[in-house]
């Protein structure tokens, strides 16, 4: 039957127990997914907020502070604290906008690009191993589930990043 897992679970009508298992799997997978970068950042006195900022500045070089606020969904005060640290430590450069002098366009420095590479390499290795173990159909299904869980506005933001190829 197409709606069954290899273990015989029927997925067409999910029980509360099956949903609970999925929720718990997401919690534990997230812990695993963030564990490697957390270890790297711990020695630098940076946290996940720094990691997310570096990741999305890398994905969209020249992004504005306003756009980064939208993507990360954090307060301006929180983002400013993170950006101030990243700029002072020489990982991010804020350039004045050419058209609008009030805008600040964010770019990773060479040092910031190196940190992003180290952090992403760790996460890519974990994702690659998991994808290999699960197989191509599971990978496609996993992405579909994640996208279906996103609120419409977040899905649009994600699609924009995906389509930009940045």
N, C-alpha and C. Protein backbone atom coordinates (compact mmCIF):
# COMPACT_ATOMS: atom_id res chain seq x y z
N UNK A 1 0.84 -1.19 0.00
CA UNK A 1 0.00 0.00 0.00
C UNK A 1 0.88 1.25 0.00
N UNK A 2 0.60 2.24 -0.84
CA UNK A 2 1.44 3.41 -1.02
C UNK A 2 1.48 4.32 0.21
N UNK A 3 0.45 4.25 1.04
CA UNK A 3 0.38 5.14 2.19
C UNK A 3 0.96 4.53 3.46
N UNK A 4 1.80 3.51 3.30
CA UNK A 4 2.41 2.87 4.46
C UNK A 4 3.92 3.05 4.43
N UNK A 5 4.49 3.12 5.63
CA UNK A 5 5.93 3.19 5.77
C UNK A 5 6.48 1.78 5.65
N UNK A 6 7.81 1.63 5.48
CA UNK A 6 8.39 0.28 5.44
C UNK A 6 8.04 -0.55 6.68
N UNK A 7 7.79 0.11 7.82
CA UNK A 7 7.43 -0.63 9.03
C UNK A 7 5.94 -0.96 9.07
N UNK A 8 5.19 -0.54 8.04
CA UNK A 8 3.78 -0.89 7.96
C UNK A 8 2.83 0.14 8.54
N UNK A 9 3.36 1.29 9.02
CA UNK A 9 2.48 2.32 9.58
C UNK A 9 1.68 2.98 8.46
N UNK A 10 0.38 3.14 8.66
CA UNK A 10 -0.45 3.83 7.69
C UNK A 10 -0.34 5.33 7.97
N UNK A 11 0.13 6.10 6.97
CA UNK A 11 0.36 7.52 7.17
C UNK A 11 -0.76 8.40 6.65
N UNK A 12 -1.77 7.80 6.02
CA UNK A 12 -2.86 8.61 5.49
C UNK A 12 -3.65 9.26 6.62
N UNK A 13 -3.90 8.52 7.67
CA UNK A 13 -4.62 9.04 8.83
C UNK A 13 -3.70 8.91 10.04
N UNK A 14 -3.01 9.98 10.37
CA UNK A 14 -2.04 9.94 11.45
C UNK A 14 -2.72 9.99 12.81
N UNK A 15 -2.26 9.15 13.68
CA UNK A 15 -2.77 9.16 15.05
C UNK A 15 -2.03 10.22 15.86
N UNK A 16 -2.57 10.56 17.00
CA UNK A 16 -1.89 11.50 17.90
C UNK A 16 -0.51 10.98 18.27
N UNK A 17 -0.39 9.69 18.45
CA UNK A 17 0.90 9.08 18.81
C UNK A 17 1.91 9.24 17.67
N UNK A 18 1.48 9.03 16.43
CA UNK A 18 2.39 9.22 15.29
C UNK A 18 2.81 10.69 15.17
N UNK A 19 1.86 11.59 15.39
CA UNK A 19 2.19 13.02 15.35
C UNK A 19 3.16 13.38 16.48
N UNK A 20 2.94 12.86 17.67
CA UNK A 20 3.83 13.11 18.80
C UNK A 20 5.24 12.64 18.49
N UNK A 21 5.35 11.47 17.86
CA UNK A 21 6.67 10.94 17.48
C UNK A 21 7.35 11.90 16.49
N UNK A 22 6.58 12.43 15.56
CA UNK A 22 7.13 13.38 14.59
C UNK A 22 7.60 14.66 15.25
N UNK A 23 6.81 15.15 16.19
CA UNK A 23 7.18 16.38 16.92
C UNK A 23 8.47 16.14 17.71
N UNK A 24 8.52 15.01 18.41
CA UNK A 24 9.72 14.71 19.19
C UNK A 24 10.93 14.51 18.28
N UNK A 25 10.74 13.89 17.14
CA UNK A 25 11.84 13.71 16.20
C UNK A 25 12.37 15.06 15.74
N UNK A 26 11.45 16.03 15.50
CA UNK A 26 11.89 17.38 15.11
C UNK A 26 12.73 18.03 16.20
N UNK A 27 12.29 17.90 17.46
CA UNK A 27 13.05 18.47 18.57
C UNK A 27 14.47 17.89 18.63
N UNK A 28 14.55 16.57 18.59
CA UNK A 28 15.86 15.93 18.71
C UNK A 28 16.72 16.16 17.47
N UNK A 29 16.11 16.17 16.29
CA UNK A 29 16.87 16.45 15.07
C UNK A 29 17.43 17.87 15.10
N UNK A 30 16.63 18.81 15.59
CA UNK A 30 17.11 20.19 15.69
C UNK A 30 18.30 20.28 16.64
N UNK A 31 18.23 19.57 17.74
CA UNK A 31 19.37 19.55 18.68
C UNK A 31 20.61 19.02 17.98
N UNK A 32 20.46 17.96 17.21
CA UNK A 32 21.60 17.41 16.48
C UNK A 32 22.10 18.37 15.42
N UNK A 33 21.17 18.98 14.71
CA UNK A 33 21.51 19.90 13.62
C UNK A 33 22.28 21.12 14.12
N UNK A 34 21.96 21.58 15.33
CA UNK A 34 22.60 22.78 15.87
C UNK A 34 23.81 22.46 16.76
N UNK A 35 24.00 21.19 17.12
CA UNK A 35 25.06 20.83 18.06
C UNK A 35 26.45 21.16 17.54
N UNK A 36 26.73 20.83 16.28
CA UNK A 36 28.07 21.07 15.74
C UNK A 36 28.39 22.57 15.68
N UNK A 37 27.52 23.40 15.11
CA UNK A 37 27.80 24.84 15.12
C UNK A 37 27.87 25.41 16.54
N UNK A 38 27.01 24.92 17.43
CA UNK A 38 27.05 25.40 18.82
C UNK A 38 28.43 25.18 19.43
N UNK A 39 29.01 24.00 19.19
CA UNK A 39 30.34 23.69 19.73
C UNK A 39 31.39 24.64 19.15
N UNK A 40 31.28 24.92 17.87
CA UNK A 40 32.24 25.83 17.22
C UNK A 40 32.09 27.24 17.77
N UNK A 41 30.85 27.70 17.92
CA UNK A 41 30.59 29.07 18.36
C UNK A 41 30.87 29.29 19.84
N UNK A 42 30.75 28.23 20.63
CA UNK A 42 30.91 28.32 22.08
C UNK A 42 32.26 28.93 22.46
N UNK A 43 33.30 28.51 21.81
CA UNK A 43 34.63 29.02 22.10
C UNK A 43 34.85 30.45 21.64
N UNK A 44 33.91 30.97 20.88
CA UNK A 44 34.03 32.33 20.35
C UNK A 44 33.09 33.30 21.05
N UNK A 45 32.33 32.80 22.01
CA UNK A 45 31.31 33.60 22.71
C UNK A 45 30.22 34.11 21.77
N UNK A 46 29.91 33.32 20.75
CA UNK A 46 28.80 33.60 19.85
C UNK A 46 27.73 32.55 20.09
N UNK A 47 26.52 32.88 19.67
CA UNK A 47 25.42 31.94 19.81
C UNK A 47 24.71 31.72 18.50
N UNK A 48 23.54 31.11 18.60
CA UNK A 48 22.76 30.78 17.40
C UNK A 48 22.31 32.02 16.64
N UNK A 49 22.05 33.11 17.35
CA UNK A 49 21.64 34.34 16.66
C UNK A 49 22.76 34.83 15.74
N UNK A 50 24.00 34.71 16.20
CA UNK A 50 25.15 35.09 15.37
C UNK A 50 25.24 34.17 14.15
N UNK A 51 25.02 32.88 14.40
CA UNK A 51 25.08 31.90 13.32
C UNK A 51 24.03 32.20 12.26
N UNK A 52 22.79 32.45 12.69
CA UNK A 52 21.73 32.73 11.72
C UNK A 52 22.02 34.01 10.93
N UNK A 53 22.52 35.03 11.60
CA UNK A 53 22.84 36.28 10.90
C UNK A 53 23.93 36.03 9.86
N UNK A 54 24.99 35.35 10.25
CA UNK A 54 26.08 35.05 9.32
C UNK A 54 25.56 34.21 8.14
N UNK A 55 24.73 33.22 8.43
CA UNK A 55 24.19 32.37 7.37
C UNK A 55 23.41 33.18 6.33
N UNK A 56 22.49 34.02 6.80
CA UNK A 56 21.64 34.74 5.84
C UNK A 56 22.35 35.92 5.18
N UNK A 57 23.35 36.49 5.81
CA UNK A 57 24.16 37.51 5.13
C UNK A 57 24.95 36.82 4.02
N UNK A 58 25.45 35.63 4.29
CA UNK A 58 26.16 34.87 3.26
C UNK A 58 25.23 34.52 2.10
N UNK A 59 24.01 34.09 2.41
CA UNK A 59 23.05 33.70 1.37
C UNK A 59 22.62 34.88 0.50
N UNK A 60 22.59 36.07 1.09
CA UNK A 60 22.14 37.26 0.36
C UNK A 60 23.10 38.42 0.61
N UNK A 61 24.29 38.36 0.01
CA UNK A 61 25.25 39.45 0.23
C UNK A 61 24.64 40.79 -0.15
N UNK A 62 24.83 41.78 0.71
CA UNK A 62 24.29 43.11 0.45
C UNK A 62 22.88 43.27 1.00
N UNK A 63 22.36 42.26 1.66
CA UNK A 63 21.02 42.37 2.24
C UNK A 63 21.00 43.53 3.22
N UNK A 64 19.85 44.13 3.38
CA UNK A 64 19.73 45.25 4.31
C UNK A 64 19.43 44.75 5.72
N UNK A 65 19.68 45.61 6.67
CA UNK A 65 19.35 45.28 8.06
C UNK A 65 17.85 45.01 8.16
N UNK A 66 17.05 45.79 7.47
CA UNK A 66 15.60 45.62 7.50
C UNK A 66 15.19 44.25 6.96
N UNK A 67 15.79 43.82 5.86
CA UNK A 67 15.49 42.52 5.29
C UNK A 67 15.92 41.40 6.24
N UNK A 68 17.07 41.55 6.86
CA UNK A 68 17.55 40.55 7.80
C UNK A 68 16.61 40.45 9.01
N UNK A 69 16.10 41.58 9.45
CA UNK A 69 15.11 41.58 10.54
C UNK A 69 13.89 40.75 10.16
N UNK A 70 13.42 40.93 8.93
CA UNK A 70 12.25 40.19 8.45
C UNK A 70 12.53 38.70 8.38
N UNK A 71 13.68 38.33 7.84
CA UNK A 71 14.03 36.92 7.70
C UNK A 71 14.17 36.25 9.06
N UNK A 72 14.87 36.90 9.98
CA UNK A 72 15.15 36.28 11.28
C UNK A 72 13.98 36.38 12.25
N UNK A 73 13.11 37.35 12.05
CA UNK A 73 11.96 37.49 12.93
C UNK A 73 12.35 37.83 14.36
N UNK A 74 13.36 38.65 14.51
CA UNK A 74 13.82 39.07 15.84
C UNK A 74 13.58 40.57 16.00
N UNK A 75 13.77 41.07 17.21
CA UNK A 75 13.61 42.50 17.44
C UNK A 75 14.81 43.26 16.89
N UNK A 76 14.58 44.50 16.61
CA UNK A 76 15.66 45.36 16.11
C UNK A 76 16.79 45.44 17.13
N UNK A 77 16.42 45.54 18.40
CA UNK A 77 17.41 45.63 19.48
C UNK A 77 18.27 44.36 19.52
N UNK A 78 17.64 43.22 19.40
CA UNK A 78 18.37 41.94 19.43
C UNK A 78 19.31 41.84 18.24
N UNK A 79 18.82 42.17 17.05
CA UNK A 79 19.66 42.08 15.86
C UNK A 79 20.80 43.09 15.93
N UNK A 80 20.53 44.30 16.41
CA UNK A 80 21.59 45.30 16.51
C UNK A 80 22.72 44.84 17.42
N UNK A 81 22.35 44.18 18.51
CA UNK A 81 23.36 43.66 19.44
C UNK A 81 24.25 42.62 18.73
N UNK A 82 23.63 41.72 17.98
CA UNK A 82 24.35 40.68 17.25
C UNK A 82 25.23 41.31 16.17
N UNK A 83 24.65 42.22 15.38
CA UNK A 83 25.41 42.85 14.29
C UNK A 83 26.57 43.68 14.83
N UNK A 84 26.34 44.38 15.93
CA UNK A 84 27.42 45.19 16.51
C UNK A 84 28.62 44.30 16.83
N UNK A 85 28.37 43.16 17.44
CA UNK A 85 29.45 42.22 17.77
C UNK A 85 30.13 41.72 16.50
N UNK A 86 29.36 41.30 15.51
CA UNK A 86 29.93 40.76 14.28
C UNK A 86 30.74 41.81 13.53
N UNK A 87 30.30 43.05 13.57
CA UNK A 87 31.03 44.14 12.89
C UNK A 87 32.31 44.46 13.66
N UNK A 88 32.19 44.59 14.99
CA UNK A 88 33.37 44.90 15.82
C UNK A 88 34.44 43.83 15.71
N UNK A 89 34.01 42.58 15.55
CA UNK A 89 34.96 41.46 15.48
C UNK A 89 35.48 41.24 14.05
N UNK A 90 35.03 42.07 13.12
CA UNK A 90 35.55 41.99 11.76
C UNK A 90 34.98 40.87 10.90
N UNK A 91 33.78 40.40 11.24
CA UNK A 91 33.15 39.34 10.47
C UNK A 91 32.15 39.86 9.45
N UNK A 92 31.57 41.01 9.74
CA UNK A 92 30.55 41.62 8.88
C UNK A 92 30.93 43.07 8.64
N UNK A 93 30.62 43.51 7.44
CA UNK A 93 30.84 44.90 7.07
C UNK A 93 29.48 45.49 6.69
N UNK A 94 29.17 46.67 7.22
CA UNK A 94 27.92 47.37 6.89
C UNK A 94 28.27 48.53 5.97
N UNK A 95 27.76 48.50 4.75
CA UNK A 95 28.04 49.55 3.77
C UNK A 95 26.80 50.43 3.59
N UNK A 96 27.04 51.72 3.46
CA UNK A 96 25.95 52.68 3.26
C UNK A 96 25.35 52.43 1.88
N UNK A 97 24.02 52.48 1.80
CA UNK A 97 23.31 52.27 0.54
C UNK A 97 23.67 53.32 -0.49
N UNK A 98 23.72 52.92 -1.75
CA UNK A 98 24.04 53.86 -2.83
C UNK A 98 22.85 54.76 -3.14
N UNK A 99 21.65 54.15 -3.17
CA UNK A 99 20.45 54.91 -3.47
C UNK A 99 19.86 55.58 -2.24
N UNK A 100 19.87 54.86 -1.14
CA UNK A 100 19.30 55.37 0.11
C UNK A 100 20.39 55.33 1.18
N UNK A 101 20.89 56.48 1.52
CA UNK A 101 22.01 56.58 2.47
C UNK A 101 21.64 56.10 3.87
N UNK A 102 20.34 55.97 4.14
CA UNK A 102 19.92 55.48 5.46
C UNK A 102 20.05 53.96 5.57
N UNK A 103 20.08 53.28 4.43
CA UNK A 103 20.17 51.83 4.45
C UNK A 103 21.61 51.37 4.71
N UNK A 104 21.70 50.23 5.39
CA UNK A 104 22.99 49.59 5.62
C UNK A 104 22.94 48.22 4.94
N UNK A 105 23.86 48.00 4.01
CA UNK A 105 23.94 46.73 3.29
C UNK A 105 25.02 45.88 3.94
N UNK A 106 24.67 44.65 4.26
CA UNK A 106 25.55 43.79 5.03
C UNK A 106 26.29 42.80 4.14
N UNK A 107 27.58 42.68 4.40
CA UNK A 107 28.45 41.76 3.67
C UNK A 107 29.37 41.06 4.65
N UNK A 108 29.65 39.79 4.38
CA UNK A 108 30.64 39.10 5.19
C UNK A 108 32.03 39.51 4.74
N UNK A 109 32.91 39.69 5.69
CA UNK A 109 34.32 39.92 5.38
C UNK A 109 34.94 38.55 5.07
N UNK A 110 36.21 38.54 4.72
CA UNK A 110 36.90 37.27 4.50
C UNK A 110 36.84 36.41 5.76
N UNK A 111 37.03 37.03 6.91
CA UNK A 111 36.95 36.32 8.20
C UNK A 111 35.53 35.77 8.43
N UNK A 112 34.52 36.55 8.07
CA UNK A 112 33.14 36.11 8.20
C UNK A 112 32.82 34.97 7.25
N UNK A 113 33.36 35.03 6.04
CA UNK A 113 33.14 33.96 5.07
C UNK A 113 33.76 32.66 5.56
N UNK A 114 34.92 32.75 6.20
CA UNK A 114 35.58 31.55 6.73
C UNK A 114 34.74 30.94 7.85
N UNK A 115 34.23 31.77 8.75
CA UNK A 115 33.38 31.25 9.83
C UNK A 115 32.13 30.60 9.25
N UNK A 116 31.51 31.24 8.28
CA UNK A 116 30.30 30.69 7.66
C UNK A 116 30.61 29.34 7.03
N UNK A 117 31.75 29.22 6.38
CA UNK A 117 32.12 27.96 5.73
C UNK A 117 32.29 26.85 6.77
N UNK A 118 32.97 27.14 7.86
CA UNK A 118 33.19 26.13 8.91
C UNK A 118 31.84 25.67 9.50
N UNK A 119 30.97 26.64 9.79
CA UNK A 119 29.66 26.31 10.36
C UNK A 119 28.81 25.51 9.37
N UNK A 120 28.79 25.95 8.13
CA UNK A 120 27.98 25.28 7.11
C UNK A 120 28.54 23.91 6.77
N UNK A 121 29.86 23.78 6.74
CA UNK A 121 30.46 22.47 6.46
C UNK A 121 29.98 21.44 7.48
N UNK A 122 29.94 21.84 8.74
CA UNK A 122 29.50 20.93 9.80
C UNK A 122 28.05 20.52 9.58
N UNK A 123 27.20 21.48 9.25
CA UNK A 123 25.78 21.16 9.05
C UNK A 123 25.56 20.40 7.74
N UNK A 124 26.30 20.74 6.71
CA UNK A 124 26.16 20.01 5.44
C UNK A 124 26.56 18.54 5.60
N UNK A 125 27.62 18.29 6.38
CA UNK A 125 28.05 16.91 6.60
C UNK A 125 26.94 16.12 7.29
N UNK A 126 26.31 16.71 8.29
CA UNK A 126 25.24 16.03 9.00
C UNK A 126 24.04 15.81 8.07
N UNK A 127 23.66 16.84 7.30
CA UNK A 127 22.53 16.71 6.37
C UNK A 127 22.83 15.68 5.28
N UNK A 128 24.05 15.72 4.75
CA UNK A 128 24.42 14.79 3.69
C UNK A 128 24.31 13.34 4.18
N UNK A 129 24.82 13.07 5.38
CA UNK A 129 24.75 11.72 5.94
C UNK A 129 23.29 11.29 6.15
N UNK A 130 22.48 12.19 6.67
CA UNK A 130 21.07 11.87 6.90
C UNK A 130 20.34 11.64 5.58
N UNK A 131 20.60 12.49 4.59
CA UNK A 131 19.95 12.32 3.29
C UNK A 131 20.36 11.00 2.64
N UNK A 132 21.65 10.69 2.72
CA UNK A 132 22.11 9.41 2.15
C UNK A 132 21.42 8.23 2.81
N UNK A 133 21.32 8.29 4.13
CA UNK A 133 20.71 7.19 4.88
C UNK A 133 19.21 7.06 4.55
N UNK A 134 18.55 8.19 4.33
CA UNK A 134 17.10 8.18 4.10
C UNK A 134 16.73 7.88 2.65
N UNK A 135 17.56 8.28 1.70
CA UNK A 135 17.27 8.06 0.29
C UNK A 135 16.54 9.22 -0.36
N UNK A 136 16.57 9.28 -1.70
CA UNK A 136 16.04 10.43 -2.45
C UNK A 136 14.55 10.71 -2.24
N UNK A 137 13.74 9.67 -2.14
CA UNK A 137 12.30 9.91 -1.94
C UNK A 137 12.05 10.55 -0.59
N UNK A 138 12.77 10.09 0.41
CA UNK A 138 12.61 10.66 1.75
C UNK A 138 13.06 12.12 1.78
N UNK A 139 14.12 12.44 1.05
CA UNK A 139 14.61 13.82 1.01
C UNK A 139 13.55 14.74 0.42
N UNK A 140 12.97 14.34 -0.70
CA UNK A 140 11.92 15.14 -1.33
C UNK A 140 10.72 15.27 -0.40
N UNK A 141 10.33 14.19 0.23
CA UNK A 141 9.21 14.22 1.16
C UNK A 141 9.49 15.10 2.37
N UNK A 142 10.71 15.04 2.87
CA UNK A 142 11.11 15.86 4.02
C UNK A 142 10.97 17.34 3.68
N UNK A 143 11.45 17.74 2.51
CA UNK A 143 11.33 19.15 2.09
C UNK A 143 9.87 19.55 1.96
N UNK A 144 9.07 18.67 1.41
CA UNK A 144 7.64 18.98 1.26
C UNK A 144 6.99 19.18 2.62
N UNK A 145 7.32 18.34 3.58
CA UNK A 145 6.76 18.47 4.92
C UNK A 145 7.21 19.79 5.55
N UNK A 146 8.50 20.10 5.46
CA UNK A 146 9.00 21.34 6.04
C UNK A 146 8.32 22.56 5.42
N UNK A 147 8.19 22.57 4.10
CA UNK A 147 7.55 23.70 3.44
C UNK A 147 6.07 23.79 3.82
N UNK A 148 5.41 22.66 3.97
CA UNK A 148 4.00 22.66 4.35
C UNK A 148 3.81 23.18 5.78
N UNK A 149 4.83 23.05 6.62
CA UNK A 149 4.74 23.53 8.01
C UNK A 149 4.96 25.04 8.12
N UNK A 150 5.52 25.65 7.08
CA UNK A 150 5.81 27.08 7.12
C UNK A 150 4.52 27.89 6.95
N UNK A 151 4.44 28.99 7.70
CA UNK A 151 3.35 29.94 7.45
C UNK A 151 3.54 30.51 6.05
N UNK A 152 2.46 30.95 5.38
CA UNK A 152 2.57 31.43 3.99
C UNK A 152 3.65 32.50 3.78
N UNK A 153 3.75 33.47 4.67
CA UNK A 153 4.75 34.53 4.49
C UNK A 153 6.17 33.97 4.60
N UNK A 154 6.40 33.08 5.54
CA UNK A 154 7.72 32.47 5.68
C UNK A 154 8.04 31.60 4.47
N UNK A 155 7.04 30.93 3.93
CA UNK A 155 7.25 30.12 2.72
C UNK A 155 7.66 31.01 1.55
N UNK A 156 7.03 32.19 1.45
CA UNK A 156 7.40 33.13 0.37
C UNK A 156 8.85 33.58 0.54
N UNK A 157 9.25 33.88 1.77
CA UNK A 157 10.64 34.28 2.02
C UNK A 157 11.59 33.15 1.65
N UNK A 158 11.25 31.93 2.06
CA UNK A 158 12.08 30.76 1.75
C UNK A 158 12.17 30.56 0.23
N UNK A 159 11.03 30.65 -0.45
CA UNK A 159 11.02 30.48 -1.90
C UNK A 159 11.90 31.54 -2.57
N UNK A 160 11.84 32.77 -2.03
CA UNK A 160 12.67 33.85 -2.58
C UNK A 160 14.15 33.54 -2.46
N UNK A 161 14.56 33.01 -1.33
CA UNK A 161 15.96 32.62 -1.14
C UNK A 161 16.32 31.47 -2.08
N UNK A 162 15.44 30.48 -2.16
CA UNK A 162 15.67 29.30 -2.99
C UNK A 162 15.81 29.69 -4.45
N UNK A 163 14.93 30.60 -4.91
CA UNK A 163 14.92 30.99 -6.31
C UNK A 163 16.08 31.90 -6.66
N UNK A 164 16.56 32.69 -5.69
CA UNK A 164 17.66 33.60 -5.98
C UNK A 164 18.96 32.83 -6.22
N UNK A 165 19.02 31.60 -5.71
CA UNK A 165 20.22 30.79 -5.90
C UNK A 165 21.40 31.31 -5.13
N UNK A 166 21.17 32.31 -4.28
CA UNK A 166 22.28 32.89 -3.52
C UNK A 166 22.77 31.91 -2.49
